[in-house]
Amino acid sequence: MNQEEILQAVADYVEQKMTGEGSGHDWWHIVRVQKMAQKIALNEGGNSFICQLAALVHDLVDDKLVVDEAAGLAEVRNLLAEKGVPQLQIEEVLTIIQGVSYKAGTQNHLVLSLEGQIVQDADRLDAIGAIGIARTMAYSGYKNRIIHDPTVTIREEMTLEEYRSHQGTAIAHFYEKLLKLTNLMHTDTAKKLAQGRHQFLKTYLEQFEAEWEGMR
């Protein structure tokens, strides 16, 4: 298979696996991240095939979604090998997808390849702006996390276990993660796109707070 055929075959597999997933990490999230990764790669000179391939499979190893990350990595390795991806490119994709997740900021120190930066930027862009708000609320409902409690303390630093505990609220998540993402973008393309999405988050929070207090 050529690269386009490989991408389509992998996409077909991931679509079947992720369709109907209810936490905001569903198939359409994958589609958006792939398209954004392709766009950023074009602008920044990254390898579009590697970026798109990693974008397609990145959530198959996310510890929010899988019980065993090692099993997820083995699944991806076998999938890519079965579709004819060369071994060196398989290893590159596996390295990228292990470094994409935010994980309470515990992975911010990782040095990523250009392609890794592109895929991480694409994934993080989907976590902010209008879509990011929708996904936050979907994920909070999925995890039975309440929308807001003004007595809840915003956690500035968390262990991964605390981050995954879901003891916070949907609105707290904006302050604990989403509003931090713009300053963590790598590529110029993502930095520019993030500005508008970041401002939309701030506008939403201002409106939310005003409505909460009965002012609007």
N, C-alpha and C. Protein backbone atom coordinates (compact mmCIF):
# COMPACT_ATOMS: atom_id res chain seq x y z
N MET A 1 0.84 -1.21 0.00
CA MET A 1 0.00 0.00 0.00
C MET A 1 0.87 1.25 0.00
N ASN A 2 0.40 2.29 -0.67
CA ASN A 2 1.10 3.57 -0.60
C ASN A 2 0.67 4.30 0.67
N GLN A 3 1.24 5.49 0.90
CA GLN A 3 0.98 6.18 2.15
C GLN A 3 -0.49 6.55 2.32
N GLU A 4 -1.14 7.01 1.27
CA GLU A 4 -2.56 7.37 1.37
C GLU A 4 -3.41 6.14 1.71
N GLU A 5 -3.07 5.02 1.11
CA GLU A 5 -3.81 3.79 1.40
C GLU A 5 -3.58 3.33 2.83
N ILE A 6 -2.36 3.49 3.32
CA ILE A 6 -2.07 3.14 4.72
C ILE A 6 -2.87 4.02 5.67
N LEU A 7 -2.87 5.32 5.41
CA LEU A 7 -3.62 6.24 6.26
C LEU A 7 -5.10 5.88 6.28
N GLN A 8 -5.65 5.53 5.12
CA GLN A 8 -7.07 5.18 5.05
C GLN A 8 -7.34 3.88 5.80
N ALA A 9 -6.45 2.90 5.66
CA ALA A 9 -6.64 1.62 6.34
C ALA A 9 -6.57 1.78 7.86
N VAL A 10 -5.62 2.59 8.32
CA VAL A 10 -5.50 2.84 9.76
C VAL A 10 -6.71 3.63 10.24
N ALA A 11 -7.14 4.61 9.45
CA ALA A 11 -8.32 5.40 9.82
C ALA A 11 -9.56 4.51 9.95
N ASP A 12 -9.72 3.58 9.04
CA ASP A 12 -10.87 2.67 9.09
C ASP A 12 -10.87 1.87 10.40
N TYR A 13 -9.68 1.41 10.80
CA TYR A 13 -9.55 0.64 12.04
C TYR A 13 -9.91 1.50 13.25
N VAL A 14 -9.34 2.71 13.30
CA VAL A 14 -9.56 3.59 14.44
C VAL A 14 -11.02 4.05 14.50
N GLU A 15 -11.60 4.33 13.34
CA GLU A 15 -13.01 4.74 13.32
C GLU A 15 -13.90 3.67 13.92
N GLN A 16 -13.66 2.43 13.55
CA GLN A 16 -14.47 1.33 14.08
C GLN A 16 -14.29 1.21 15.60
N LYS A 17 -13.09 1.47 16.06
CA LYS A 17 -12.79 1.31 17.48
C LYS A 17 -13.30 2.47 18.33
N MET A 18 -13.26 3.69 17.79
CA MET A 18 -13.53 4.88 18.59
C MET A 18 -14.92 5.49 18.38
N THR A 19 -15.65 5.05 17.36
CA THR A 19 -16.99 5.57 17.14
C THR A 19 -17.89 5.27 18.33
N GLY A 20 -18.56 6.30 18.83
CA GLY A 20 -19.47 6.11 19.97
C GLY A 20 -18.81 6.29 21.32
N GLU A 21 -17.50 6.49 21.35
CA GLU A 21 -16.80 6.74 22.61
C GLU A 21 -17.36 8.02 23.21
N GLY A 22 -17.70 8.01 24.51
CA GLY A 22 -18.50 9.09 25.07
C GLY A 22 -17.78 10.14 25.88
N SER A 23 -16.46 10.11 25.92
CA SER A 23 -15.75 11.03 26.80
C SER A 23 -15.22 12.28 26.10
N GLY A 24 -15.50 12.40 24.79
CA GLY A 24 -14.93 13.51 24.03
C GLY A 24 -13.66 13.13 23.30
N HIS A 25 -13.29 11.86 23.39
CA HIS A 25 -12.11 11.34 22.67
C HIS A 25 -12.57 10.38 21.57
N ASP A 26 -13.68 10.73 20.96
CA ASP A 26 -14.30 9.86 19.98
C ASP A 26 -13.64 9.99 18.60
N TRP A 27 -14.23 9.33 17.62
CA TRP A 27 -13.67 9.31 16.27
C TRP A 27 -13.53 10.71 15.69
N TRP A 28 -14.49 11.59 15.95
CA TRP A 28 -14.44 12.92 15.35
C TRP A 28 -13.34 13.78 15.97
N HIS A 29 -13.00 13.50 17.21
CA HIS A 29 -11.80 14.13 17.79
C HIS A 29 -10.57 13.70 17.00
N ILE A 30 -10.49 12.42 16.70
CA ILE A 30 -9.35 11.91 15.93
C ILE A 30 -9.29 12.58 14.55
N VAL A 31 -10.43 12.71 13.90
CA VAL A 31 -10.49 13.35 12.58
C VAL A 31 -9.97 14.79 12.66
N ARG A 32 -10.42 15.52 13.66
CA ARG A 32 -9.99 16.92 13.80
C ARG A 32 -8.49 17.02 14.05
N VAL A 33 -7.97 16.15 14.89
CA VAL A 33 -6.53 16.19 15.20
C VAL A 33 -5.72 15.81 13.96
N GLN A 34 -6.19 14.82 13.21
CA GLN A 34 -5.47 14.46 11.98
C GLN A 34 -5.43 15.63 11.01
N LYS A 35 -6.58 16.28 10.79
CA LYS A 35 -6.63 17.40 9.86
C LYS A 35 -5.74 18.54 10.32
N MET A 36 -5.76 18.83 11.62
CA MET A 36 -4.93 19.91 12.13
C MET A 36 -3.46 19.56 12.05
N ALA A 37 -3.11 18.32 12.34
CA ALA A 37 -1.71 17.88 12.22
C ALA A 37 -1.23 18.01 10.78
N GLN A 38 -2.09 17.65 9.84
CA GLN A 38 -1.75 17.78 8.42
C GLN A 38 -1.51 19.25 8.07
N LYS A 39 -2.37 20.13 8.57
CA LYS A 39 -2.25 21.55 8.29
C LYS A 39 -0.96 22.12 8.87
N ILE A 40 -0.69 21.79 10.14
CA ILE A 40 0.51 22.33 10.79
C ILE A 40 1.76 21.78 10.12
N ALA A 41 1.76 20.50 9.76
CA ALA A 41 2.92 19.89 9.11
C ALA A 41 3.23 20.59 7.79
N LEU A 42 2.18 20.93 7.05
CA LEU A 42 2.36 21.63 5.78
C LEU A 42 3.01 22.99 6.01
N ASN A 43 2.56 23.71 7.04
CA ASN A 43 3.09 25.04 7.32
C ASN A 43 4.49 25.02 7.92
N GLU A 44 4.77 23.98 8.70
CA GLU A 44 6.01 23.96 9.48
C GLU A 44 7.10 23.05 8.90
N GLY A 45 6.78 22.36 7.81
CA GLY A 45 7.78 21.51 7.18
C GLY A 45 7.97 20.15 7.83
N GLY A 46 6.94 19.67 8.53
CA GLY A 46 7.02 18.35 9.14
C GLY A 46 6.63 17.26 8.15
N ASN A 47 6.90 16.03 8.52
CA ASN A 47 6.53 14.88 7.71
C ASN A 47 5.04 14.62 7.88
N SER A 48 4.25 14.96 6.87
CA SER A 48 2.80 14.89 6.99
C SER A 48 2.32 13.47 7.23
N PHE A 49 2.94 12.50 6.59
CA PHE A 49 2.52 11.10 6.76
C PHE A 49 2.69 10.66 8.21
N ILE A 50 3.84 10.93 8.79
CA ILE A 50 4.10 10.55 10.18
C ILE A 50 3.15 11.27 11.12
N CYS A 51 2.95 12.57 10.88
CA CYS A 51 2.07 13.36 11.74
C CYS A 51 0.63 12.84 11.68
N GLN A 52 0.14 12.57 10.49
CA GLN A 52 -1.23 12.07 10.36
C GLN A 52 -1.38 10.68 10.96
N LEU A 53 -0.38 9.85 10.75
CA LEU A 53 -0.43 8.49 11.27
C LEU A 53 -0.46 8.51 12.80
N ALA A 54 0.40 9.31 13.40
CA ALA A 54 0.44 9.42 14.86
C ALA A 54 -0.86 10.02 15.40
N ALA A 55 -1.40 11.01 14.69
CA ALA A 55 -2.67 11.61 15.11
C ALA A 55 -3.79 10.58 15.12
N LEU A 56 -3.80 9.72 14.12
CA LEU A 56 -4.86 8.71 14.03
C LEU A 56 -4.84 7.73 15.20
N VAL A 57 -3.66 7.38 15.67
CA VAL A 57 -3.56 6.31 16.69
C VAL A 57 -3.25 6.84 18.08
N HIS A 58 -3.16 8.17 18.26
CA HIS A 58 -2.62 8.68 19.53
C HIS A 58 -3.47 8.31 20.75
N ASP A 59 -4.78 8.20 20.59
CA ASP A 59 -5.61 7.90 21.75
C ASP A 59 -5.73 6.40 22.04
N LEU A 60 -5.15 5.58 21.20
CA LEU A 60 -5.18 4.13 21.47
C LEU A 60 -4.26 3.75 22.61
N VAL A 61 -3.42 4.70 23.05
CA VAL A 61 -2.52 4.42 24.18
C VAL A 61 -2.75 5.39 25.33
N ASP A 62 -3.79 6.21 25.27
CA ASP A 62 -4.05 7.20 26.31
C ASP A 62 -4.56 6.51 27.57
N ASP A 63 -3.90 6.77 28.70
CA ASP A 63 -4.27 6.06 29.93
C ASP A 63 -5.63 6.48 30.48
N LYS A 64 -6.23 7.54 29.92
CA LYS A 64 -7.61 7.86 30.29
C LYS A 64 -8.59 6.88 29.65
N LEU A 65 -8.15 6.24 28.57
CA LEU A 65 -9.05 5.45 27.76
C LEU A 65 -8.74 3.96 27.77
N VAL A 66 -7.50 3.61 28.07
CA VAL A 66 -7.11 2.20 28.04
C VAL A 66 -6.65 1.76 29.42
N VAL A 67 -6.89 0.51 29.74
CA VAL A 67 -6.49 -0.03 31.04
C VAL A 67 -4.99 -0.28 31.08
N ASP A 68 -4.44 -0.72 29.96
CA ASP A 68 -3.04 -1.13 29.90
C ASP A 68 -2.35 -0.41 28.74
N GLU A 69 -1.50 0.58 29.05
CA GLU A 69 -0.82 1.33 28.00
C GLU A 69 0.10 0.44 27.18
N ALA A 70 0.74 -0.52 27.84
CA ALA A 70 1.65 -1.44 27.12
C ALA A 70 0.88 -2.23 26.08
N ALA A 71 -0.32 -2.67 26.45
CA ALA A 71 -1.16 -3.41 25.50
C ALA A 71 -1.58 -2.50 24.35
N GLY A 72 -1.85 -1.23 24.66
CA GLY A 72 -2.20 -0.27 23.62
C GLY A 72 -1.06 -0.06 22.64
N LEU A 73 0.15 0.06 23.17
CA LEU A 73 1.32 0.22 22.31
C LEU A 73 1.52 -1.00 21.42
N ALA A 74 1.32 -2.18 21.99
CA ALA A 74 1.45 -3.42 21.20
C ALA A 74 0.39 -3.47 20.10
N GLU A 75 -0.81 -3.01 20.42
CA GLU A 75 -1.89 -2.96 19.43
C GLU A 75 -1.52 -2.05 18.26
N VAL A 76 -0.98 -0.86 18.59
CA VAL A 76 -0.59 0.08 17.55
C VAL A 76 0.56 -0.48 16.72
N ARG A 77 1.54 -1.06 17.39
CA ARG A 77 2.68 -1.65 16.67
C ARG A 77 2.22 -2.71 15.68
N ASN A 78 1.34 -3.58 16.14
CA ASN A 78 0.85 -4.65 15.28
C ASN A 78 0.01 -4.10 14.13
N LEU A 79 -0.81 -3.10 14.43
CA LEU A 79 -1.66 -2.49 13.40
C LEU A 79 -0.82 -1.88 12.30
N LEU A 80 0.18 -1.08 12.68
CA LEU A 80 1.00 -0.39 11.68
C LEU A 80 1.83 -1.39 10.87
N ALA A 81 2.34 -2.41 11.54
CA ALA A 81 3.13 -3.43 10.83
C ALA A 81 2.24 -4.17 9.83
N GLU A 82 1.02 -4.48 10.26
CA GLU A 82 0.08 -5.19 9.38
C GLU A 82 -0.27 -4.37 8.14
N LYS A 83 -0.29 -3.05 8.29
CA LYS A 83 -0.63 -2.17 7.17
C LYS A 83 0.58 -1.81 6.32
N GLY A 84 1.75 -2.33 6.68
CA GLY A 84 2.92 -2.14 5.85
C GLY A 84 3.76 -0.92 6.15
N VAL A 85 3.61 -0.33 7.34
CA VAL A 85 4.43 0.82 7.72
C VAL A 85 5.84 0.33 8.03
N PRO A 86 6.88 0.94 7.45
CA PRO A 86 8.26 0.53 7.72
C PRO A 86 8.59 0.61 9.22
N GLN A 87 9.48 -0.27 9.66
CA GLN A 87 9.79 -0.40 11.08
C GLN A 87 10.27 0.92 11.71
N LEU A 88 11.13 1.64 11.01
CA LEU A 88 11.63 2.90 11.56
C LEU A 88 10.50 3.90 11.77
N GLN A 89 9.56 3.93 10.86
CA GLN A 89 8.43 4.85 11.00
C GLN A 89 7.48 4.39 12.12
N ILE A 90 7.36 3.08 12.29
CA ILE A 90 6.55 2.57 13.41
C ILE A 90 7.14 3.06 14.73
N GLU A 91 8.46 2.94 14.88
CA GLU A 91 9.11 3.37 16.12
C GLU A 91 8.93 4.88 16.33
N GLU A 92 9.00 5.63 15.25
CA GLU A 92 8.82 7.08 15.35
C GLU A 92 7.41 7.42 15.83
N VAL A 93 6.41 6.75 15.27
CA VAL A 93 5.02 6.98 15.67
C VAL A 93 4.83 6.59 17.14
N LEU A 94 5.38 5.46 17.55
CA LEU A 94 5.23 5.01 18.94
C LEU A 94 5.87 6.00 19.91
N THR A 95 7.00 6.57 19.55
CA THR A 95 7.65 7.57 20.39
C THR A 95 6.77 8.81 20.51
N ILE A 96 6.20 9.23 19.40
CA ILE A 96 5.35 10.43 19.39
C ILE A 96 4.14 10.25 20.30
N ILE A 97 3.43 9.14 20.13
CA ILE A 97 2.16 8.99 20.85
C ILE A 97 2.37 8.77 22.35
N GLN A 98 3.55 8.36 22.75
CA GLN A 98 3.84 8.24 24.18
C GLN A 98 4.11 9.60 24.83
N GLY A 99 4.40 10.62 24.01
CA GLY A 99 4.71 11.93 24.55
C GLY A 99 3.65 12.98 24.35
N VAL A 100 2.53 12.62 23.72
CA VAL A 100 1.51 13.61 23.36
C VAL A 100 0.68 14.06 24.55
N SER A 101 0.28 13.15 25.42
CA SER A 101 -0.69 13.44 26.47
C SER A 101 -0.18 14.47 27.47
N TYR A 102 -1.10 15.28 27.99
CA TYR A 102 -0.75 16.33 28.95
C TYR A 102 -0.33 15.74 30.29
N LYS A 103 -1.12 14.81 30.80
CA LYS A 103 -0.81 14.10 32.06
C LYS A 103 -0.42 15.05 33.19
N ALA A 104 -1.28 16.03 33.44
CA ALA A 104 -1.09 16.98 34.54
C ALA A 104 0.18 17.81 34.39
N GLY A 105 0.68 17.91 33.17
CA GLY A 105 1.89 18.68 32.95
C GLY A 105 3.16 17.91 33.28
N THR A 106 3.03 16.63 33.61
CA THR A 106 4.20 15.85 34.02
C THR A 106 5.11 15.51 32.84
N GLN A 107 4.63 15.74 31.59
CA GLN A 107 5.44 15.40 30.43
C GLN A 107 5.96 16.65 29.69
N ASN A 108 5.77 17.81 30.31
CA ASN A 108 6.17 19.05 29.63
C ASN A 108 7.68 19.15 29.42
N HIS A 109 8.44 18.36 30.15
CA HIS A 109 9.89 18.40 30.03
C HIS A 109 10.41 17.58 28.84
N LEU A 110 9.55 16.77 28.25
CA LEU A 110 10.00 15.89 27.19
C LEU A 110 10.45 16.69 25.96
N VAL A 111 11.52 16.23 25.35
CA VAL A 111 12.00 16.84 24.10
C VAL A 111 11.39 16.05 22.94
N LEU A 112 10.54 16.71 22.18
CA LEU A 112 9.82 16.06 21.09
C LEU A 112 10.45 16.40 19.75
N SER A 113 10.34 15.47 18.81
CA SER A 113 10.72 15.77 17.43
C SER A 113 9.75 16.81 16.87
N LEU A 114 10.06 17.37 15.71
CA LEU A 114 9.14 18.32 15.08
C LEU A 114 7.78 17.68 14.88
N GLU A 115 7.78 16.42 14.43
CA GLU A 115 6.50 15.73 14.20
C GLU A 115 5.76 15.52 15.53
N GLY A 116 6.50 15.22 16.59
CA GLY A 116 5.89 15.08 17.91
C GLY A 116 5.27 16.38 18.38
N GLN A 117 5.98 17.48 18.15
CA GLN A 117 5.46 18.80 18.51
C GLN A 117 4.19 19.11 17.74
N ILE A 118 4.19 18.77 16.47
CA ILE A 118 3.02 19.05 15.62
C ILE A 118 1.80 18.28 16.10
N VAL A 119 1.96 17.00 16.38
CA VAL A 119 0.82 16.19 16.82
C VAL A 119 0.34 16.65 18.20
N GLN A 120 1.27 16.97 19.08
CA GLN A 120 0.87 17.47 20.40
C GLN A 120 0.13 18.80 20.29
N ASP A 121 0.62 19.69 19.43
CA ASP A 121 -0.06 20.96 19.21
C ASP A 121 -1.48 20.74 18.67
N ALA A 122 -1.60 19.84 17.70
CA ALA A 122 -2.91 19.57 17.10
C ALA A 122 -3.89 19.03 18.14
N ASP A 123 -3.40 18.14 18.98
CA ASP A 123 -4.24 17.55 20.03
C ASP A 123 -4.64 18.60 21.05
N ARG A 124 -3.71 19.47 21.41
CA ARG A 124 -3.99 20.49 22.42
C ARG A 124 -4.90 21.58 21.87
N LEU A 125 -4.80 21.89 20.59
CA LEU A 125 -5.73 22.86 20.00
C LEU A 125 -7.17 22.36 20.11
N ASP A 126 -7.36 21.05 20.04
CA ASP A 126 -8.71 20.50 20.12
C ASP A 126 -9.23 20.53 21.55
N ALA A 127 -8.37 20.89 22.51
CA ALA A 127 -8.78 20.96 23.91
C ALA A 127 -9.17 22.38 24.33
N ILE A 128 -9.01 23.34 23.42
CA ILE A 128 -9.35 24.72 23.77
C ILE A 128 -10.32 25.30 22.73
N GLY A 129 -10.82 26.50 23.01
CA GLY A 129 -11.81 27.09 22.12
C GLY A 129 -13.18 26.48 22.31
N ALA A 130 -14.06 26.69 21.35
CA ALA A 130 -15.44 26.21 21.46
C ALA A 130 -15.51 24.70 21.59
N ILE A 131 -14.70 24.01 20.79
CA ILE A 131 -14.69 22.54 20.86
C ILE A 131 -14.13 22.08 22.20
N GLY A 132 -13.12 22.76 22.69
CA GLY A 132 -12.55 22.40 23.98
C GLY A 132 -13.56 22.51 25.11
N ILE A 133 -14.39 23.54 25.06
CA ILE A 133 -15.44 23.70 26.07
C ILE A 133 -16.42 22.53 25.99
N ALA A 134 -16.85 22.22 24.77
CA ALA A 134 -17.80 21.11 24.59
C ALA A 134 -17.21 19.80 25.08
N ARG A 135 -15.93 19.57 24.77
CA ARG A 135 -15.29 18.32 25.19
C ARG A 135 -15.12 18.26 26.70
N THR A 136 -14.82 19.39 27.32
CA THR A 136 -14.69 19.42 28.77
C THR A 136 -15.99 19.04 29.45
N MET A 137 -17.09 19.58 28.96
CA MET A 137 -18.39 19.26 29.55
C MET A 137 -18.78 17.80 29.28
N ALA A 138 -18.46 17.32 28.07
CA ALA A 138 -18.75 15.92 27.75
C ALA A 138 -17.96 14.99 28.67
N TYR A 139 -16.68 15.30 28.85
CA TYR A 139 -15.83 14.45 29.69
C TYR A 139 -16.28 14.50 31.15
N SER A 140 -16.66 15.69 31.61
CA SER A 140 -17.12 15.82 32.99
C SER A 140 -18.38 15.01 33.23
N GLY A 141 -19.31 15.06 32.29
CA GLY A 141 -20.51 14.25 32.41
C GLY A 141 -20.19 12.76 32.39
N TYR A 142 -19.26 12.40 31.51
CA TYR A 142 -18.83 11.01 31.37
C TYR A 142 -18.26 10.47 32.68
N LYS A 143 -17.58 11.36 33.43
CA LYS A 143 -16.94 10.96 34.69
C LYS A 143 -17.73 11.39 35.92
N ASN A 144 -18.98 11.81 35.72
CA ASN A 144 -19.82 12.25 36.83
C ASN A 144 -19.19 13.38 37.63
N ARG A 145 -18.50 14.27 36.95
CA ARG A 145 -17.87 15.42 37.59
C ARG A 145 -18.82 16.61 37.47
N ILE A 146 -19.07 17.31 38.55
CA ILE A 146 -20.03 18.41 38.52
C ILE A 146 -19.49 19.58 37.70
N ILE A 147 -20.40 20.47 37.29
CA ILE A 147 -20.00 21.60 36.45
C ILE A 147 -19.16 22.60 37.24
N HIS A 148 -19.66 23.01 38.41
CA HIS A 148 -18.96 24.06 39.14
C HIS A 148 -19.30 24.00 40.62
N ASP A 149 -18.31 24.30 41.44
CA ASP A 149 -18.49 24.48 42.87
C ASP A 149 -17.50 25.56 43.28
N PRO A 150 -17.98 26.77 43.61
CA PRO A 150 -17.07 27.87 43.90
C PRO A 150 -16.20 27.65 45.12
N THR A 151 -16.52 26.64 45.93
CA THR A 151 -15.68 26.38 47.11
C THR A 151 -14.51 25.45 46.79
N VAL A 152 -14.49 24.90 45.59
CA VAL A 152 -13.41 23.99 45.20
C VAL A 152 -12.14 24.79 44.91
N THR A 153 -11.04 24.38 45.50
CA THR A 153 -9.75 25.05 45.32
C THR A 153 -9.12 24.63 44.00
N ILE A 154 -8.64 25.61 43.24
CA ILE A 154 -7.95 25.32 41.98
C ILE A 154 -6.58 24.75 42.31
N ARG A 155 -6.28 23.60 41.75
CA ARG A 155 -5.01 22.93 42.02
C ARG A 155 -3.96 23.39 41.00
N GLU A 156 -2.93 24.07 41.49
CA GLU A 156 -1.89 24.58 40.60
C GLU A 156 -0.92 23.49 40.16
N GLU A 157 -0.62 22.58 41.06
CA GLU A 157 0.26 21.46 40.74
C GLU A 157 -0.39 20.18 41.22
N MET A 158 -0.30 19.15 40.40
CA MET A 158 -0.92 17.87 40.75
C MET A 158 -0.03 16.72 40.33
N THR A 159 -0.11 15.64 41.07
CA THR A 159 0.46 14.39 40.60
C THR A 159 -0.48 13.84 39.53
N LEU A 160 0.01 12.87 38.77
CA LEU A 160 -0.85 12.27 37.76
C LEU A 160 -2.06 11.61 38.41
N GLU A 161 -1.86 11.00 39.58
CA GLU A 161 -2.96 10.34 40.27
C GLU A 161 -4.03 11.36 40.69
N GLU A 162 -3.58 12.53 41.18
CA GLU A 162 -4.53 13.58 41.56
C GLU A 162 -5.26 14.11 40.34
N TYR A 163 -4.54 14.26 39.23
CA TYR A 163 -5.12 14.77 37.99
C TYR A 163 -6.20 13.83 37.47
N ARG A 164 -5.99 12.54 37.63
CA ARG A 164 -6.93 11.54 37.14
C ARG A 164 -8.06 11.23 38.14
N SER A 165 -8.01 11.87 39.31
CA SER A 165 -8.96 11.51 40.37
C SER A 165 -10.37 12.02 40.10
N HIS A 166 -10.50 13.06 39.27
CA HIS A 166 -11.80 13.65 38.93
C HIS A 166 -12.50 14.25 40.15
N GLN A 167 -11.72 14.68 41.14
CA GLN A 167 -12.30 15.29 42.33
C GLN A 167 -12.59 16.78 42.12
N GLY A 168 -12.13 17.32 41.00
CA GLY A 168 -12.37 18.73 40.72
C GLY A 168 -13.72 18.92 40.04
N THR A 169 -13.84 20.03 39.32
CA THR A 169 -15.08 20.34 38.60
C THR A 169 -14.74 20.68 37.15
N ALA A 170 -15.78 20.76 36.33
CA ALA A 170 -15.55 21.11 34.92
C ALA A 170 -14.91 22.50 34.81
N ILE A 171 -15.42 23.46 35.55
CA ILE A 171 -14.88 24.82 35.47
C ILE A 171 -13.47 24.87 36.04
N ALA A 172 -13.20 24.14 37.09
CA ALA A 172 -11.84 24.11 37.65
C ALA A 172 -10.85 23.61 36.61
N HIS A 173 -11.29 22.70 35.74
CA HIS A 173 -10.42 22.13 34.72
C HIS A 173 -9.91 23.19 33.75
N PHE A 174 -10.72 24.23 33.53
CA PHE A 174 -10.26 25.33 32.68
C PHE A 174 -8.99 25.94 33.26
N TYR A 175 -8.99 26.17 34.56
CA TYR A 175 -7.86 26.82 35.21
C TYR A 175 -6.69 25.87 35.44
N GLU A 176 -7.02 24.60 35.66
CA GLU A 176 -5.98 23.62 35.97
C GLU A 176 -5.26 23.12 34.72
N LYS A 177 -5.90 23.24 33.56
CA LYS A 177 -5.27 22.77 32.32
C LYS A 177 -5.49 23.68 31.12
N LEU A 178 -6.74 23.90 30.74
CA LEU A 178 -7.04 24.48 29.43
C LEU A 178 -6.39 25.84 29.22
N LEU A 179 -6.44 26.71 30.22
CA LEU A 179 -5.88 28.05 30.06
C LEU A 179 -4.35 28.05 30.03
N LYS A 180 -3.75 26.92 30.37
CA LYS A 180 -2.29 26.81 30.33
C LYS A 180 -1.76 26.36 28.97
N LEU A 181 -2.63 25.80 28.14
CA LEU A 181 -2.18 25.13 26.93
C LEU A 181 -1.62 26.07 25.87
N THR A 182 -2.17 27.28 25.77
CA THR A 182 -1.70 28.21 24.75
C THR A 182 -0.20 28.49 24.90
N ASN A 183 0.26 28.64 26.13
CA ASN A 183 1.68 28.93 26.36
C ASN A 183 2.57 27.70 26.19
N LEU A 184 1.96 26.55 25.95
CA LEU A 184 2.72 25.32 25.78
C LEU A 184 2.80 24.88 24.32
N MET A 185 2.21 25.67 23.42
CA MET A 185 2.27 25.32 21.99
C MET A 185 3.71 25.46 21.49
N HIS A 186 4.08 24.60 20.55
CA HIS A 186 5.45 24.58 20.02
C HIS A 186 5.59 25.37 18.73
N THR A 187 4.69 25.12 17.79
CA THR A 187 4.86 25.66 16.44
C THR A 187 4.21 27.03 16.30
N ASP A 188 4.73 27.83 15.37
CA ASP A 188 4.16 29.15 15.13
C ASP A 188 2.71 29.05 14.68
N THR A 189 2.42 28.06 13.86
CA THR A 189 1.05 27.88 13.38
C THR A 189 0.09 27.66 14.53
N ALA A 190 0.45 26.77 15.44
CA ALA A 190 -0.42 26.47 16.59
C ALA A 190 -0.52 27.65 17.54
N LYS A 191 0.57 28.36 17.73
CA LYS A 191 0.54 29.52 18.62
C LYS A 191 -0.45 30.56 18.13
N LYS A 192 -0.47 30.79 16.82
CA LYS A 192 -1.40 31.76 16.25
C LYS A 192 -2.85 31.29 16.39
N LEU A 193 -3.09 30.03 16.09
CA LEU A 193 -4.45 29.50 16.20
C LEU A 193 -4.92 29.48 17.65
N ALA A 194 -4.00 29.22 18.56
CA ALA A 194 -4.36 29.11 19.97
C ALA A 194 -4.84 30.42 20.56
N GLN A 195 -4.33 31.55 20.05
CA GLN A 195 -4.68 32.84 20.63
C GLN A 195 -6.20 33.09 20.61
N GLY A 196 -6.81 32.86 19.46
CA GLY A 196 -8.25 33.08 19.36
C GLY A 196 -9.04 32.11 20.22
N ARG A 197 -8.60 30.87 20.26
CA ARG A 197 -9.29 29.86 21.06
C ARG A 197 -9.14 30.16 22.55
N HIS A 198 -7.96 30.62 22.94
CA HIS A 198 -7.71 30.98 24.33
C HIS A 198 -8.62 32.13 24.75
N GLN A 199 -8.74 33.13 23.92
CA GLN A 199 -9.60 34.26 24.23
C GLN A 199 -11.05 33.82 24.35
N PHE A 200 -11.47 32.86 23.52
CA PHE A 200 -12.83 32.35 23.60
C PHE A 200 -13.08 31.68 24.95
N LEU A 201 -12.08 30.95 25.46
CA LEU A 201 -12.20 30.35 26.79
C LEU A 201 -12.42 31.43 27.85
N LYS A 202 -11.63 32.48 27.78
CA LYS A 202 -11.72 33.55 28.77
C LYS A 202 -13.09 34.25 28.69
N THR A 203 -13.56 34.49 27.47
CA THR A 203 -14.88 35.11 27.29
C THR A 203 -15.97 34.23 27.86
N TYR A 204 -15.88 32.93 27.62
CA TYR A 204 -16.86 31.99 28.14
C TYR A 204 -16.86 32.01 29.67
N LEU A 205 -15.68 31.99 30.28
CA LEU A 205 -15.60 31.97 31.74
C LEU A 205 -16.16 33.26 32.35
N GLU A 206 -15.93 34.38 31.68
CA GLU A 206 -16.49 35.65 32.16
C GLU A 206 -18.01 35.60 32.12
N GLN A 207 -18.57 35.08 31.04
CA GLN A 207 -20.02 34.96 30.91
C GLN A 207 -20.57 33.97 31.94
N PHE A 208 -19.86 32.86 32.11
CA PHE A 208 -20.29 31.83 33.06
C PHE A 208 -20.35 32.40 34.47
N GLU A 209 -19.30 33.11 34.86
CA GLU A 209 -19.24 33.67 36.21
C GLU A 209 -20.36 34.70 36.42
N ALA A 210 -20.60 35.53 35.39
CA ALA A 210 -21.67 36.53 35.50
C ALA A 210 -23.04 35.87 35.64
N GLU A 211 -23.27 34.82 34.87
CA GLU A 211 -24.55 34.11 34.97
C GLU A 211 -24.66 33.40 36.33
N TRP A 212 -23.56 32.84 36.80
CA TRP A 212 -23.55 32.13 38.08
C TRP A 212 -23.96 33.07 39.21
N GLU A 213 -23.48 34.30 39.12
CA GLU A 213 -23.78 35.30 40.16
C GLU A 213 -25.08 36.06 39.90
N GLY A 214 -25.78 35.69 38.81
CA GLY A 214 -27.05 36.32 38.50
C GLY A 214 -26.93 37.73 37.99
N MET A 215 -25.79 38.05 37.39
CA MET A 215 -25.55 39.41 36.90
C MET A 215 -25.94 39.59 35.44
N ARG A 216 -26.06 38.49 34.68
CA ARG A 216 -26.44 38.60 33.27
C ARG A 216 -27.53 37.59 32.95
